[in-house]
Amino acid sequence: MAENKHKPEQVILTNMCVIEDDQGNVVAIDKVTGSYTGTTFPGGHIEKNEIFNDSIIREVREETGLIIKHPKLKGVYHWYRNDIHYVLFIYHAKDFTGELTSSREGKVYWIELEELKKKKLATGTEHVITMIENDDINECFMKPDGDTYKGELY
């Protein structure tokens, strides 16, 4: 019997959503919990047996108080850490209801996208913005580069 050279890898599925209003403002979150800190967009882990669409709606509601409708998948952002493949699905939503409310994850607020770009962004957030702004780019792979990561866009 031939040896199986294709070993399944351990994968952690996550998501993130860029929520945009009709004036070009986006919802930002200043993350303060865990190892991922800085200004970024709401999102989190996909739970066991959870549909991806349901997961992003839940995460946005938990972190922002907003209920998004019709989130559009814009790309995939991924990296390896400690032999685990982390996969982040990037969504974009323009249809939402509710009032913006901060959570234990951090302060949430509306900001013009151009102003957001000037803030101290969480690692890789600049690549997420590029994927949202450019329909021809739908993948970002973060490669180790010394003590940090360097993103490559596809």
C-alpha atoms as a PDB file:
ATOM      1  CA  MET A   1       0.000   0.000   0.000  1.00  0.00           C
ATOM      2  CA  ALA A   2       1.388   3.417  -0.990  1.00  0.00           C
ATOM      3  CA  GLU A   3       2.148   5.882   1.768  1.00  0.00           C
ATOM      4  CA  ASN A   4      -0.166   8.929   1.865  1.00  0.00           C
ATOM      5  CA  LYS A   5       2.113  11.944   1.426  1.00  0.00           C
ATOM      6  CA  HIS A   6      -0.744  14.437   1.753  1.00  0.00           C
ATOM      7  CA  LYS A   7      -1.219  14.868   5.457  1.00  0.00           C
ATOM      8  CA  PRO A   8      -4.216  16.990   6.499  1.00  0.00           C
ATOM      9  CA  GLU A   9      -3.216  20.224   8.170  1.00  0.00           C
ATOM     10  CA  GLN A  10      -4.748  21.825  11.222  1.00  0.00           C
ATOM     11  CA  VAL A  11      -6.792  24.873  10.177  1.00  0.00           C
ATOM     12  CA  ILE A  12      -8.407  27.651  12.184  1.00  0.00           C
ATOM     13  CA  LEU A  13     -11.163  29.526  10.355  1.00  0.00           C
ATOM     14  CA  THR A  14     -11.809  33.191  11.068  1.00  0.00           C
ATOM     15  CA  ASN A  15     -13.590  36.120   9.440  1.00  0.00           C
ATOM     16  CA  MET A  16     -13.554  39.905   9.190  1.00  0.00           C
ATOM     17  CA  CYS A  17     -16.038  42.410   7.755  1.00  0.00           C
ATOM     18  CA  VAL A  18     -15.587  45.881   6.327  1.00  0.00           C
ATOM     19  CA  ILE A  19     -18.924  47.633   6.965  1.00  0.00           C
ATOM     20  CA  GLU A  20     -19.421  50.736   4.860  1.00  0.00           C
ATOM     21  CA  ASP A  21     -22.120  53.406   4.980  1.00  0.00           C
ATOM     22  CA  ASP A  22     -23.364  55.460   2.016  1.00  0.00           C
ATOM     23  CA  GLN A  23     -20.927  58.323   2.825  1.00  0.00           C
ATOM     24  CA  GLY A  24     -17.759  56.220   2.493  1.00  0.00           C
ATOM     25  CA  ASN A  25     -17.257  55.709   6.231  1.00  0.00           C
ATOM     26  CA  VAL A  26     -16.314  52.303   7.625  1.00  0.00           C
ATOM     27  CA  VAL A  27     -16.666  50.716  11.043  1.00  0.00           C
ATOM     28  CA  ALA A  28     -13.287  50.440  12.767  1.00  0.00           C
ATOM     29  CA  ILE A  29     -12.447  48.662  15.977  1.00  0.00           C
ATOM     30  CA  ASP A  30      -9.474  49.411  18.202  1.00  0.00           C
ATOM     31  CA  LYS A  31      -8.739  45.828  19.295  1.00  0.00           C
ATOM     32  CA  VAL A  32      -7.494  45.561  22.858  1.00  0.00           C
ATOM     33  CA  THR A  33      -7.868  41.843  23.639  1.00  0.00           C
ATOM     34  CA  GLY A  34      -5.592  38.937  22.766  1.00  0.00           C
ATOM     35  CA  SER A  35      -2.421  39.115  20.706  1.00  0.00           C
ATOM     36  CA  TYR A  36      -4.042  40.895  17.756  1.00  0.00           C
ATOM     37  CA  THR A  37      -4.236  44.587  18.678  1.00  0.00           C
ATOM     38  CA  GLY A  38      -4.494  47.879  16.818  1.00  0.00           C
ATOM     39  CA  THR A  39      -7.101  49.418  14.537  1.00  0.00           C
ATOM     40  CA  THR A  40      -8.833  46.950  12.257  1.00  0.00           C
ATOM     41  CA  PHE A  41     -12.309  45.680  11.318  1.00  0.00           C
ATOM     42  CA  PRO A  42     -14.748  43.529  13.308  1.00  0.00           C
ATOM     43  CA  GLY A  43     -14.597  39.754  13.053  1.00  0.00           C
ATOM     44  CA  GLY A  44     -13.565  36.614  14.858  1.00  0.00           C
ATOM     45  CA  HIS A  45     -13.541  32.820  14.898  1.00  0.00           C
ATOM     46  CA  ILE A  46     -15.937  30.604  13.015  1.00  0.00           C
ATOM     47  CA  GLU A  47     -17.484  28.164  15.473  1.00  0.00           C
ATOM     48  CA  LYS A  48     -17.861  24.411  14.970  1.00  0.00           C
ATOM     49  CA  ASN A  49     -20.805  23.558  12.678  1.00  0.00           C
ATOM     50  CA  GLU A  50     -21.372  27.253  11.893  1.00  0.00           C
ATOM     51  CA  ILE A  51     -22.116  28.430   8.354  1.00  0.00           C
ATOM     52  CA  PHE A  52     -19.606  31.096   7.276  1.00  0.00           C
ATOM     53  CA  ASN A  53     -22.351  33.637   6.457  1.00  0.00           C
ATOM     54  CA  ASP A  54     -23.971  33.134   9.870  1.00  0.00           C
ATOM     55  CA  SER A  55     -20.587  33.454  11.558  1.00  0.00           C
ATOM     56  CA  ILE A  56     -19.759  36.881  10.121  1.00  0.00           C
ATOM     57  CA  ILE A  57     -23.235  38.170  10.953  1.00  0.00           C
ATOM     58  CA  ARG A  58     -22.835  36.906  14.549  1.00  0.00           C
ATOM     59  CA  GLU A  59     -19.317  38.295  14.987  1.00  0.00           C
ATOM     60  CA  VAL A  60     -20.297  41.737  13.675  1.00  0.00           C
ATOM     61  CA  ARG A  61     -23.347  41.835  15.971  1.00  0.00           C
ATOM     62  CA  GLU A  62     -21.266  40.792  19.002  1.00  0.00           C
ATOM     63  CA  GLU A  63     -18.501  43.336  18.383  1.00  0.00           C
ATOM     64  CA  THR A  64     -20.475  46.287  16.998  1.00  0.00           C
ATOM     65  CA  GLY A  65     -24.189  45.931  17.771  1.00  0.00           C
ATOM     66  CA  LEU A  66     -24.934  46.134  14.018  1.00  0.00           C
ATOM     67  CA  ILE A  67     -26.853  43.479  12.125  1.00  0.00           C
ATOM     68  CA  ILE A  68     -25.424  43.152   8.632  1.00  0.00           C
ATOM     69  CA  LYS A  69     -27.346  41.749   5.677  1.00  0.00           C
ATOM     70  CA  HIS A  70     -25.962  40.256   2.467  1.00  0.00           C
ATOM     71  CA  PRO A  71     -22.252  40.268   3.363  1.00  0.00           C
ATOM     72  CA  LYS A  72     -20.184  39.762   0.215  1.00  0.00           C
ATOM     73  CA  LEU A  73     -17.094  37.560   0.325  1.00  0.00           C
ATOM     74  CA  LYS A  74     -14.195  39.655  -1.015  1.00  0.00           C
ATOM     75  CA  GLY A  75     -11.176  37.492  -0.391  1.00  0.00           C
ATOM     76  CA  VAL A  76      -9.090  35.179   1.728  1.00  0.00           C
ATOM     77  CA  TYR A  77      -6.199  36.210   3.961  1.00  0.00           C
ATOM     78  CA  HIS A  78      -4.074  33.439   5.458  1.00  0.00           C
ATOM     79  CA  TRP A  79      -0.869  32.614   7.302  1.00  0.00           C
ATOM     80  CA  TYR A  80       0.864  29.849   9.254  1.00  0.00           C
ATOM     81  CA  ARG A  81       1.780  30.076  12.918  1.00  0.00           C
ATOM     82  CA  ASN A  82       3.053  27.139  14.978  1.00  0.00           C
ATOM     83  CA  ASP A  83       2.221  24.721  12.114  1.00  0.00           C
ATOM     84  CA  ILE A  84      -1.423  25.846  12.127  1.00  0.00           C
ATOM     85  CA  HIS A  85      -2.947  27.329   8.972  1.00  0.00           C
ATOM     86  CA  TYR A  86      -5.062  30.375   9.887  1.00  0.00           C
ATOM     87  CA  VAL A  87      -7.623  31.301   7.225  1.00  0.00           C
ATOM     88  CA  LEU A  88      -9.435  34.648   7.412  1.00  0.00           C
ATOM     89  CA  PHE A  89     -12.423  35.238   5.124  1.00  0.00           C
ATOM     90  CA  ILE A  90     -12.814  38.941   4.248  1.00  0.00           C
ATOM     91  CA  TYR A  91     -16.370  40.251   3.811  1.00  0.00           C
ATOM     92  CA  HIS A  92     -17.810  43.607   2.765  1.00  0.00           C
ATOM     93  CA  ALA A  93     -21.263  44.798   3.831  1.00  0.00           C
ATOM     94  CA  LYS A  94     -23.226  47.938   2.982  1.00  0.00           C
ATOM     95  CA  ASP A  95     -26.634  46.830   4.262  1.00  0.00           C
ATOM     96  CA  PHE A  96     -27.053  46.962   8.047  1.00  0.00           C
ATOM     97  CA  THR A  97     -29.360  47.965  10.887  1.00  0.00           C
ATOM     98  CA  GLY A  98     -28.827  48.755  14.557  1.00  0.00           C
ATOM     99  CA  GLU A  99     -26.760  51.158  16.631  1.00  0.00           C
ATOM    100  CA  LEU A 100     -23.011  51.035  16.881  1.00  0.00           C
ATOM    101  CA  THR A 101     -21.998  49.763  20.349  1.00  0.00           C
ATOM    102  CA  SER A 102     -18.507  48.912  21.595  1.00  0.00           C
ATOM    103  CA  SER A 103     -17.768  45.540  23.194  1.00  0.00           C
ATOM    104  CA  ARG A 104     -15.043  43.962  25.348  1.00  0.00           C
ATOM    105  CA  GLU A 105     -13.088  43.474  22.085  1.00  0.00           C
ATOM    106  CA  GLY A 106     -12.529  47.238  21.843  1.00  0.00           C
ATOM    107  CA  LYS A 107     -13.968  50.597  20.917  1.00  0.00           C
ATOM    108  CA  VAL A 108     -15.919  50.712  17.637  1.00  0.00           C
ATOM    109  CA  TYR A 109     -16.621  53.857  15.616  1.00  0.00           C
ATOM    110  CA  TRP A 110     -17.315  55.207  12.146  1.00  0.00           C
ATOM    111  CA  ILE A 111     -14.338  56.697  10.306  1.00  0.00           C
ATOM    112  CA  GLU A 112     -13.592  57.795   6.757  1.00  0.00           C
ATOM    113  CA  LEU A 113     -11.557  55.095   5.039  1.00  0.00           C
ATOM    114  CA  GLU A 114      -8.794  57.566   4.138  1.00  0.00           C
ATOM    115  CA  GLU A 115      -8.522  58.608   7.816  1.00  0.00           C
ATOM    116  CA  LEU A 116      -8.425  54.970   8.914  1.00  0.00           C
ATOM    117  CA  LYS A 117      -5.401  54.385   6.672  1.00  0.00           C
ATOM    118  CA  LYS A 118      -3.450  56.969   8.744  1.00  0.00           C
ATOM    119  CA  LYS A 119      -4.017  55.165  12.074  1.00  0.00           C
ATOM    120  CA  LYS A 120      -1.792  52.541  13.742  1.00  0.00           C
ATOM    121  CA  LEU A 121      -3.317  49.545  12.011  1.00  0.00           C
ATOM    122  CA  ALA A 122      -3.310  45.999  13.316  1.00  0.00           C
ATOM    123  CA  THR A 123      -0.982  43.692  11.365  1.00  0.00           C
ATOM    124  CA  GLY A 124      -2.178  43.131   7.811  1.00  0.00           C
ATOM    125  CA  THR A 125      -5.149  45.504   7.936  1.00  0.00           C
ATOM    126  CA  GLU A 126      -3.641  47.477   5.053  1.00  0.00           C
ATOM    127  CA  HIS A 127      -3.909  44.321   2.900  1.00  0.00           C
ATOM    128  CA  VAL A 128      -7.559  43.878   3.851  1.00  0.00           C
ATOM    129  CA  ILE A 129      -8.214  47.449   2.697  1.00  0.00           C
ATOM    130  CA  THR A 130      -6.461  46.713  -0.614  1.00  0.00           C
ATOM    131  CA  MET A 131      -8.678  43.665  -1.187  1.00  0.00           C
ATOM    132  CA  ILE A 132     -11.825  45.692  -0.468  1.00  0.00           C
ATOM    133  CA  GLU A 133     -10.757  48.478  -2.822  1.00  0.00           C
ATOM    134  CA  ASN A 134      -9.533  46.255  -5.670  1.00  0.00           C
ATOM    135  CA  ASP A 135     -11.737  43.530  -7.175  1.00  0.00           C
ATOM    136  CA  ASP A 136      -8.689  42.019  -8.939  1.00  0.00           C
ATOM    137  CA  ILE A 137      -7.031  41.103  -5.623  1.00  0.00           C
ATOM    138  CA  ASN A 138      -8.716  38.394  -3.573  1.00  0.00           C
ATOM    139  CA  GLU A 139      -5.953  36.658  -1.649  1.00  0.00           C
ATOM    140  CA  CYS A 140      -3.284  37.709   0.816  1.00  0.00           C
ATOM    141  CA  PHE A 141      -0.706  35.289   2.144  1.00  0.00           C
ATOM    142  CA  MET A 142       1.403  36.469   5.063  1.00  0.00           C
ATOM    143  CA  LYS A 143       4.929  35.012   4.953  1.00  0.00           C
ATOM    144  CA  PRO A 144       7.266  35.072   7.953  1.00  0.00           C
ATOM    145  CA  ASP A 145       9.861  37.827   7.623  1.00  0.00           C
ATOM    146  CA  GLY A 146      12.148  37.752  10.643  1.00  0.00           C
ATOM    147  CA  ASP A 147      10.079  38.577  13.722  1.00  0.00           C
ATOM    148  CA  THR A 148       7.144  39.862  11.650  1.00  0.00           C
ATOM    149  CA  TYR A 149       5.113  38.868   8.596  1.00  0.00           C
ATOM    150  CA  LYS A 150       5.141  40.276   5.077  1.00  0.00           C
ATOM    151  CA  GLY A 151       1.988  40.135   2.973  1.00  0.00           C
ATOM    152  CA  GLU A 152       1.875  39.006  -0.642  1.00  0.00           C
ATOM    153  CA  LEU A 153      -1.261  39.856  -2.624  1.00  0.00           C
ATOM    154  CA  TYR A 154      -2.740  37.738  -5.402  1.00  0.00           C
END
